[in-house]
Amino acid sequence: MILVTGGTGLVGAHLLYKLVSSGETVRAIYRREKTLKRVVHVFSYFSDDAEDLFKRIEWVEADINNIPKLEKAFKGISHVYHCAAFVSFEPDKYHQLRKINIEGTANIVNLCISNSIKKLCYVSSIAAIGHHENPEKLITESTEWNPETDNSVYAITKYGAELEVWRGTQEGMDAVIINPGIILGAGYWKGGSSGNLFRQIQNGMRYYVNGVFGYVDVFDVVNAMIQLTNSDIRNEKFILVSENLSFKTFQYKVAKALGVEPPKREAKPWLLGLAWRMDWLKHKLFNTRRSLSKQTAKSAVSISKYDNSKLKETLNFEFKSIDESIKDVSELYLKDLRQKSYRI
């Protein structure tokens, strides 16, 4: 039996769809019952039997920091996909990020070891990979992480989580780590998911930025996870990026797919610098949530280009084009927008 943590998230829901559609026996962890509806909705994008597919999953209410419940979830499990994570770039969320991303991953690793799990697949992020001083030099899996860099709190905790996985491999556990870029997928239109970008662009974004990022389709992520887990490959990490695009290009492509006007004004570095300082001041004065940190403002104008050749050569893997991914996600967003029964 396969165990999926974070089964109600973007990657987890699409992974579950692929697994149950392939006839796999699956158990999945959830924390809040209301989030299960999202999984059914994602299934409904791709199947007329969404409810039946959903019922094939053995759902277990658990938290990755609740050891007793986790121990029960691990009974009879052979493989684990660890998708659960907390995504936030708010500096004041650091301790919560550590608790979920690092300590939670340590718990999963420990239970994998004690239950003799055949292989763990951990979903990390390109945020946990180092950067070059030369922005035109491609970033690879071996690019060194620099702890002295002004890394975001999210990046620090995802890197810390990877260290827990590597610690597990030293104790006899087999694992693979994937480092996806910005994951494009449907059904999660709010919060830290990329779907929120589609929603914001459709509602009208005033500014664009010229930073370069790596993008990947959610099904490329899922397919790579399954292939790597079912292979003889162990104790390796892989960058999952289909294309490196400027955020301006991405915004324009999405705006065209949604039939709306793209942003016209560039957010210059000085403007972003002013914006994150104002955001910090507002947070201090009124205790509001941070929407822009120093690190995210910096990354918005930085150039980061990722090399996907390791995965392509290892698995003979072909990535879906980002144009096709944007088209598919945009169509599903507009469909949800028309359906009053699904909240966006």
Protein backbone atom coordinates (compact mmCIF):
# COMPACT_ATOMS: atom_id res chain seq x y z
CA MET A 1 0.00 0.00 0.00
CA ILE A 2 1.11 3.56 -0.77
CA LEU A 3 0.91 6.42 1.73
CA VAL A 4 0.51 10.03 0.56
CA THR A 5 0.96 12.92 2.99
CA GLY A 6 -0.52 16.28 2.02
CA GLY A 7 -3.17 14.50 -0.02
CA THR A 8 -5.48 17.52 -0.09
CA GLY A 9 -2.87 19.88 -1.57
CA LEU A 10 -2.21 20.70 -5.22
CA VAL A 11 0.45 18.04 -5.81
CA GLY A 12 -1.14 15.52 -3.46
CA ALA A 13 -4.58 15.67 -5.10
CA HIS A 14 -3.20 15.24 -8.63
CA LEU A 15 -0.88 12.47 -7.43
CA LEU A 16 -3.81 10.64 -5.83
CA TYR A 17 -5.78 10.91 -9.07
CA LYS A 18 -2.94 9.29 -11.03
CA LEU A 19 -2.39 6.56 -8.45
CA VAL A 20 -6.01 5.46 -8.02
CA SER A 21 -6.64 5.75 -11.77
CA SER A 22 -3.78 3.27 -12.22
CA GLY A 23 -5.35 0.84 -9.76
CA GLU A 24 -2.92 1.43 -6.89
CA THR A 25 -3.99 0.81 -3.29
CA VAL A 26 -3.61 4.15 -1.55
CA ARG A 27 -3.92 5.62 1.92
CA ALA A 28 -3.82 9.41 2.29
CA ILE A 29 -3.50 11.78 5.22
CA TYR A 30 -5.69 14.82 5.72
CA ARG A 31 -5.97 17.36 8.55
CA ARG A 32 -9.34 19.06 7.95
CA GLU A 33 -12.37 17.27 6.57
CA LYS A 34 -13.56 20.29 4.58
CA THR A 35 -10.43 20.12 2.38
CA LEU A 36 -11.46 16.71 1.04
CA LYS A 37 -13.99 18.40 -1.26
CA ARG A 38 -11.10 19.97 -3.16
CA VAL A 39 -9.75 16.52 -4.02
CA VAL A 40 -13.09 15.39 -5.43
CA HIS A 41 -13.27 18.58 -7.44
CA VAL A 42 -9.79 18.04 -8.90
CA PHE A 43 -10.76 14.48 -9.83
CA SER A 44 -13.87 15.83 -11.58
CA TYR A 45 -11.67 17.80 -14.01
CA PHE A 46 -10.35 14.56 -15.48
CA SER A 47 -12.98 11.89 -14.80
CA ASP A 48 -16.74 11.42 -14.78
CA ASP A 49 -16.25 8.93 -11.93
CA ALA A 50 -14.66 11.39 -9.49
CA GLU A 51 -16.67 10.22 -6.49
CA ASP A 52 -15.92 6.55 -7.14
CA LEU A 53 -12.20 7.24 -7.54
CA PHE A 54 -12.19 9.28 -4.35
CA LYS A 55 -13.84 6.42 -2.42
CA ARG A 56 -11.00 4.08 -3.40
CA ILE A 57 -8.66 6.08 -1.17
CA GLU A 58 -8.33 5.12 2.49
CA TRP A 59 -8.36 8.50 4.23
CA VAL A 60 -6.74 8.93 7.65
CA GLU A 61 -7.08 12.06 9.74
CA ALA A 62 -3.59 12.82 11.01
CA ASP A 63 -0.98 15.52 11.41
CA ILE A 64 2.67 14.95 10.50
CA ASN A 65 3.59 16.18 13.98
CA ASN A 66 1.20 13.78 15.70
CA ILE A 67 3.32 10.65 16.12
CA PRO A 68 0.63 8.25 17.47
CA LYS A 69 -1.72 8.94 14.56
CA LEU A 70 1.14 8.77 12.07
CA GLU A 71 2.20 5.38 13.42
CA LYS A 72 -1.27 4.04 12.65
CA ALA A 73 -1.18 5.55 9.15
CA PHE A 74 2.10 3.71 8.42
CA LYS A 75 0.73 0.22 9.11
CA GLY A 76 1.06 -1.98 6.02
CA ILE A 77 2.72 0.75 3.92
CA SER A 78 5.47 -0.03 1.38
CA HIS A 79 6.08 3.37 -0.29
CA VAL A 80 5.61 6.97 0.88
CA TYR A 81 5.06 10.17 -1.07
CA HIS A 82 5.68 13.07 1.31
CA CYS A 83 3.86 16.07 -0.18
CA ALA A 84 2.73 17.78 3.03
CA ALA A 85 4.29 21.19 3.65
CA PHE A 86 3.57 24.69 4.85
CA VAL A 87 4.17 27.35 2.20
CA SER A 88 4.72 30.88 3.47
CA PHE A 89 7.28 33.60 2.88
CA GLU A 90 6.22 35.63 5.91
CA PRO A 91 9.24 36.04 8.23
CA ASP A 92 7.09 35.82 11.36
CA LYS A 93 5.93 32.33 10.29
CA TYR A 94 9.45 30.91 10.63
CA HIS A 95 8.80 28.77 13.71
CA GLN A 96 5.61 27.36 12.23
CA LEU A 97 7.48 26.59 9.00
CA ARG A 98 10.20 24.79 10.98
CA LYS A 99 7.62 22.79 12.92
CA ILE A 100 5.85 21.51 9.81
CA ASN A 101 8.54 21.40 7.14
CA ILE A 102 11.55 20.25 9.16
CA GLU A 103 10.19 18.52 12.26
CA GLY A 104 7.28 17.01 10.33
CA THR A 105 9.64 15.63 7.68
CA ALA A 106 11.89 14.23 10.42
CA ASN A 107 8.86 12.36 11.79
CA ILE A 108 8.05 10.92 8.38
CA VAL A 109 11.67 9.86 7.87
CA ASN A 110 11.84 8.19 11.29
CA LEU A 111 8.66 6.23 10.63
CA CYS A 112 9.91 5.22 7.18
CA ILE A 113 13.02 3.78 8.84
CA SER A 114 11.18 2.03 11.67
CA ASN A 115 8.62 0.54 9.26
CA SER A 116 11.22 -0.54 6.66
CA ILE A 117 9.58 1.51 3.89
CA LYS A 118 10.96 0.56 0.48
CA LYS A 119 11.29 4.14 -0.75
CA LEU A 120 10.36 7.70 0.23
CA CYS A 121 9.69 10.35 -2.40
CA TYR A 122 9.97 13.84 -0.92
CA VAL A 123 8.56 16.94 -2.60
CA SER A 124 11.00 19.76 -1.95
CA SER A 125 11.38 22.97 -3.98
CA ILE A 126 13.81 24.83 -6.20
CA ALA A 127 13.88 27.29 -3.29
CA ALA A 128 16.09 24.73 -1.51
CA ILE A 129 18.73 24.78 -4.24
CA GLY A 130 21.65 27.19 -4.33
CA HIS A 131 22.19 30.04 -6.80
CA HIS A 132 25.08 31.31 -8.91
CA GLU A 133 26.45 34.85 -8.86
CA ASN A 134 26.28 34.72 -12.66
CA PRO A 135 22.53 34.77 -13.44
CA GLU A 136 23.09 33.27 -16.89
CA LYS A 137 24.72 30.14 -15.47
CA LEU A 138 22.26 27.27 -15.20
CA ILE A 139 21.44 26.06 -11.71
CA THR A 140 21.80 22.28 -11.28
CA GLU A 141 21.12 19.80 -8.50
CA SER A 142 24.75 20.15 -7.38
CA THR A 143 24.74 23.97 -7.15
CA GLU A 144 25.89 24.67 -3.62
CA TRP A 145 23.45 26.04 -1.05
CA ASN A 146 24.86 29.09 0.72
CA PRO A 147 23.46 29.48 4.26
CA GLU A 148 24.93 33.01 4.43
CA THR A 149 22.69 34.22 1.61
CA ASP A 150 19.57 36.18 2.54
CA ASN A 151 17.34 33.14 1.96
CA SER A 152 13.59 33.21 2.56
CA VAL A 153 12.21 31.46 5.64
CA TYR A 154 10.45 28.99 3.34
CA ALA A 155 13.68 28.14 1.52
CA ILE A 156 15.56 27.65 4.80
CA THR A 157 12.99 25.18 6.11
CA LYS A 158 12.72 23.23 2.85
CA TYR A 159 16.50 22.90 2.80
CA GLY A 160 16.36 21.75 6.42
CA ALA A 161 13.73 19.18 5.47
CA GLU A 162 16.02 17.84 2.73
CA LEU A 163 18.76 17.37 5.33
CA GLU A 164 16.35 15.18 7.31
CA VAL A 165 15.76 13.03 4.22
CA TRP A 166 19.50 12.69 3.61
CA ARG A 167 19.94 11.79 7.27
CA GLY A 168 17.41 9.01 6.70
CA THR A 169 19.38 7.65 3.74
CA GLN A 170 22.42 7.40 6.02
CA GLU A 171 20.33 5.23 8.31
CA GLY A 172 19.36 2.78 5.58
CA MET A 173 16.30 4.41 3.99
CA ASP A 174 16.03 4.72 0.20
CA ALA A 175 14.72 8.06 -1.03
CA VAL A 176 14.39 10.43 -3.97
CA ILE A 177 13.90 14.17 -3.72
CA ILE A 178 12.27 16.33 -6.34
CA ASN A 179 12.78 20.08 -6.58
CA PRO A 180 9.94 21.50 -8.67
CA GLY A 181 9.72 25.08 -9.84
CA ILE A 182 6.47 27.05 -9.75
CA ILE A 183 3.88 24.29 -10.18
CA LEU A 184 1.02 25.07 -12.56
CA GLY A 185 -2.17 23.20 -11.78
CA ALA A 186 -5.90 23.75 -11.31
CA GLY A 187 -8.30 23.67 -8.39
CA TYR A 188 -6.37 25.70 -5.84
CA TRP A 189 -7.06 29.33 -6.66
CA LYS A 190 -6.13 30.93 -3.33
CA GLY A 191 -3.31 30.91 -0.82
CA GLY A 192 0.26 30.04 -1.75
CA SER A 193 -0.60 27.96 -4.81
CA SER A 194 0.20 29.12 -8.35
CA GLY A 195 -3.55 29.10 -9.01
CA ASN A 196 -3.69 32.34 -7.06
CA LEU A 197 -1.60 33.93 -9.82
CA PHE A 198 -4.25 33.01 -12.39
CA ARG A 199 -6.92 34.52 -10.16
CA GLN A 200 -4.93 37.74 -9.63
CA ILE A 201 -4.15 38.13 -13.32
CA GLN A 202 -7.79 37.54 -14.24
CA ASN A 203 -8.84 40.17 -11.69
CA GLY A 204 -6.31 42.61 -13.13
CA MET A 205 -2.68 43.05 -12.10
CA ARG A 206 -1.24 46.54 -12.47
CA TYR A 207 2.46 45.68 -12.42
CA TYR A 208 4.80 43.15 -13.95
CA VAL A 209 8.31 42.16 -12.90
CA ASN A 210 11.18 40.89 -15.01
CA GLY A 211 12.57 38.24 -12.68
CA VAL A 212 13.13 34.82 -14.29
CA PHE A 213 11.76 31.65 -12.65
CA GLY A 214 11.34 27.98 -13.49
CA TYR A 215 7.83 26.64 -14.20
CA VAL A 216 6.46 23.11 -14.42
CA ASP A 217 3.08 21.44 -14.96
CA VAL A 218 1.61 19.57 -11.99
CA PHE A 219 1.23 16.35 -13.98
CA ASP A 220 4.91 16.50 -14.95
CA VAL A 221 5.66 16.65 -11.23
CA VAL A 222 3.34 13.73 -10.48
CA ASN A 223 4.56 11.57 -13.37
CA ALA A 224 8.19 12.16 -12.43
CA MET A 225 7.45 11.26 -8.81
CA ILE A 226 5.82 7.97 -9.78
CA GLN A 227 8.52 7.02 -12.27
CA LEU A 228 11.34 7.81 -9.85
CA THR A 229 9.66 5.94 -7.00
CA ASN A 230 9.06 2.85 -9.14
CA SER A 231 12.61 2.89 -10.52
CA ASP A 232 15.87 1.55 -9.08
CA ILE A 233 17.08 5.13 -8.60
CA ARG A 234 17.77 5.94 -4.97
CA ASN A 235 19.27 8.74 -2.90
CA GLU A 236 19.22 11.28 -5.72
CA LYS A 237 17.53 14.64 -6.23
CA PHE A 238 16.06 16.07 -9.42
CA ILE A 239 15.12 19.55 -10.60
CA LEU A 240 11.65 19.60 -12.16
CA VAL A 241 11.39 22.64 -14.43
CA SER A 242 9.91 22.63 -17.90
CA GLU A 243 10.91 26.17 -18.90
CA ASN A 244 12.59 29.24 -17.47
CA LEU A 245 10.45 32.32 -18.12
CA SER A 246 10.40 35.92 -17.00
CA PHE A 247 7.41 36.61 -14.79
CA LYS A 248 6.40 39.31 -17.28
CA THR A 249 6.21 36.70 -20.04
CA PHE A 250 4.27 34.37 -17.77
CA GLN A 251 1.79 37.14 -16.86
CA TYR A 252 1.27 38.02 -20.51
CA LYS A 253 0.71 34.40 -21.52
CA VAL A 254 -1.82 33.85 -18.73
CA ALA A 255 -3.61 37.14 -19.47
CA LYS A 256 -3.96 36.14 -23.12
CA ALA A 257 -5.28 32.69 -22.19
CA LEU A 258 -7.82 34.25 -19.81
CA GLY A 259 -8.84 36.95 -22.27
CA VAL A 260 -7.87 39.90 -20.08
CA GLU A 261 -5.47 42.81 -20.37
CA PRO A 262 -1.91 42.14 -19.14
CA PRO A 263 -0.21 44.49 -16.68
CA LYS A 264 1.32 47.55 -18.32
CA ARG A 265 3.69 48.97 -15.71
CA GLU A 266 6.97 47.54 -14.54
CA ALA A 267 7.61 47.23 -10.81
CA LYS A 268 11.17 48.54 -10.61
CA PRO A 269 13.50 47.31 -7.84
CA TRP A 270 13.22 50.64 -6.00
CA LEU A 271 9.43 50.38 -6.03
CA LEU A 272 9.53 46.83 -4.68
CA GLY A 273 11.99 47.99 -2.03
CA LEU A 274 9.56 50.67 -0.94
CA ALA A 275 6.64 48.23 -1.08
CA TRP A 276 8.17 45.61 1.23
CA ARG A 277 9.18 48.29 3.74
CA MET A 278 5.65 49.70 3.75
CA ASP A 279 4.29 46.19 4.14
CA TRP A 280 6.58 45.63 7.15
CA LEU A 281 5.50 48.92 8.73
CA LYS A 282 1.83 48.09 8.22
CA HIS A 283 2.41 44.70 9.84
CA LYS A 284 4.09 46.29 12.85
CA LEU A 285 1.47 49.01 13.31
CA PHE A 286 -1.70 47.05 12.62
CA ASN A 287 -0.62 43.41 13.05
CA THR A 288 -1.64 42.57 9.49
CA ARG A 289 -0.27 39.57 7.61
CA ARG A 290 2.81 40.17 5.50
CA SER A 291 2.14 40.11 1.77
CA LEU A 292 5.63 41.06 0.59
CA SER A 293 8.92 40.34 2.33
CA LYS A 294 12.41 41.60 1.57
CA GLN A 295 13.36 38.20 0.15
CA THR A 296 10.30 37.86 -2.12
CA ALA A 297 10.78 41.40 -3.40
CA LYS A 298 14.38 40.55 -4.24
CA SER A 299 13.47 37.27 -5.95
CA ALA A 300 10.84 39.06 -8.05
CA VAL A 301 13.59 40.82 -10.00
CA SER A 302 16.32 38.16 -9.80
CA ILE A 303 17.23 35.84 -12.65
CA SER A 304 17.29 32.12 -11.80
CA LYS A 305 17.62 29.64 -14.64
CA TYR A 306 17.38 25.93 -13.90
CA ASP A 307 18.84 22.93 -15.72
CA ASN A 308 16.36 20.06 -16.16
CA SER A 309 18.73 17.77 -18.07
CA LYS A 310 19.34 15.31 -15.20
CA LEU A 311 15.71 14.19 -15.08
CA LYS A 312 15.34 14.23 -18.88
CA GLU A 313 18.41 12.04 -19.36
CA THR A 314 17.75 9.71 -16.42
CA LEU A 315 14.14 8.91 -17.28
CA ASN A 316 14.06 9.95 -20.94
CA PHE A 317 11.47 12.41 -19.66
CA GLU A 318 9.61 14.88 -21.85
CA PHE A 319 8.11 17.95 -20.17
CA LYS A 320 4.80 19.46 -21.14
CA SER A 321 5.19 22.92 -22.66
CA ILE A 322 4.29 25.82 -20.39
CA ASP A 323 2.06 27.27 -23.12
CA GLU A 324 -0.02 24.09 -23.05
CA SER A 325 -0.07 24.04 -19.27
CA ILE A 326 -1.20 27.68 -19.07
CA LYS A 327 -3.93 26.96 -21.63
CA ASP A 328 -5.23 23.94 -19.69
CA VAL A 329 -5.17 25.62 -16.28
CA SER A 330 -6.78 28.79 -17.65
CA GLU A 331 -9.64 26.81 -19.19
CA LEU A 332 -10.31 25.06 -15.87
CA TYR A 333 -10.13 28.35 -13.99
CA LEU A 334 -12.72 29.94 -16.30
CA LYS A 335 -14.88 26.83 -15.98
CA ASP A 336 -14.78 27.11 -12.18
CA LEU A 337 -15.49 30.82 -12.45
CA ARG A 338 -18.67 30.08 -14.37
CA GLN A 339 -19.78 27.42 -11.92
CA LYS A 340 -21.25 29.18 -8.91
CA SER A 341 -21.13 25.92 -6.93
CA TYR A 342 -17.32 26.09 -6.70
CA ARG A 343 -15.86 29.01 -4.82
CA ILE A 344 -12.85 30.85 -6.21
